Amino acid sequence: MAKFTRRGFIAATAAAGAVRTVPVALTRPPARRILTLVYDKSLGMMRAIDRLVP
């Protein structure tokens, strides 16, 4: 397994995310992202729910 520094890991993660999202963003019409914070009792903390609304 490759050894990553913190900076290398962040760069690789950002690059992988860009590869997945750029082609989708170019083909679809823009959608609104709605971020909702809810309290999850089973986790005992706040949780973020991200939804795309056309």
Protein backbone atom coordinates (compact mmCIF):
# COMPACT_ATOMS: atom_id res chain seq x y z
CA MET A 1 0.00 0.00 0.00
CA ALA A 2 1.26 3.49 -0.82
CA LYS A 3 2.45 5.65 2.03
CA PHE A 4 0.58 8.95 2.08
CA THR A 5 1.45 12.05 3.99
CA ARG A 6 -1.46 14.09 5.26
CA ARG A 7 -1.03 16.57 2.41
CA GLY A 8 -0.80 13.78 -0.19
CA PHE A 9 -3.89 12.08 1.18
CA ILE A 10 -5.93 15.30 1.00
CA ALA A 11 -4.72 15.92 -2.56
CA ALA A 12 -5.57 12.37 -3.66
CA THR A 13 -9.01 12.58 -2.05
CA ALA A 14 -9.75 15.92 -3.73
CA ALA A 15 -8.61 14.59 -7.11
CA ALA A 16 -10.76 11.47 -6.78
CA GLY A 17 -13.78 13.59 -5.83
CA ALA A 18 -13.21 15.92 -8.77
CA VAL A 19 -13.03 13.00 -11.22
CA ARG A 20 -16.42 11.77 -9.99
CA THR A 21 -18.25 15.11 -9.88
CA VAL A 22 -16.94 17.11 -12.86
CA PRO A 23 -18.50 14.98 -15.66
CA VAL A 24 -21.84 14.87 -13.81
CA ALA A 25 -21.82 18.63 -13.25
CA LEU A 26 -21.23 19.30 -16.94
CA THR A 27 -24.09 17.12 -18.21
CA ARG A 28 -26.88 17.92 -15.73
CA PRO A 29 -28.68 21.20 -15.25
CA PRO A 30 -27.74 22.96 -12.01
CA ALA A 31 -29.50 21.67 -8.91
CA ARG A 32 -29.78 23.18 -5.46
CA ARG A 33 -28.01 21.47 -2.59
CA ILE A 34 -29.90 21.54 0.69
CA LEU A 35 -27.91 20.78 3.84
CA THR A 36 -29.99 19.84 6.89
CA LEU A 37 -28.60 19.22 10.36
CA VAL A 38 -30.55 16.75 12.48
CA TYR A 39 -29.93 15.24 15.90
CA ASP A 40 -29.48 11.48 15.65
CA LYS A 41 -30.41 9.85 18.96
CA SER A 42 -28.73 6.54 18.09
CA LEU A 43 -25.40 8.29 17.43
CA GLY A 44 -25.89 10.84 20.20
CA MET A 45 -24.78 13.75 18.03
CA MET A 46 -25.73 16.00 15.14
CA ARG A 47 -25.68 14.56 11.62
CA ALA A 48 -25.65 16.36 8.28
CA ILE A 49 -28.02 15.30 5.51
CA ASP A 50 -27.21 16.63 2.05
CA ARG A 51 -29.93 16.54 -0.63
CA LEU A 52 -29.98 17.61 -4.26
CA VAL A 53 -33.19 19.32 -5.39
CA PRO A 54 -33.69 19.85 -9.14
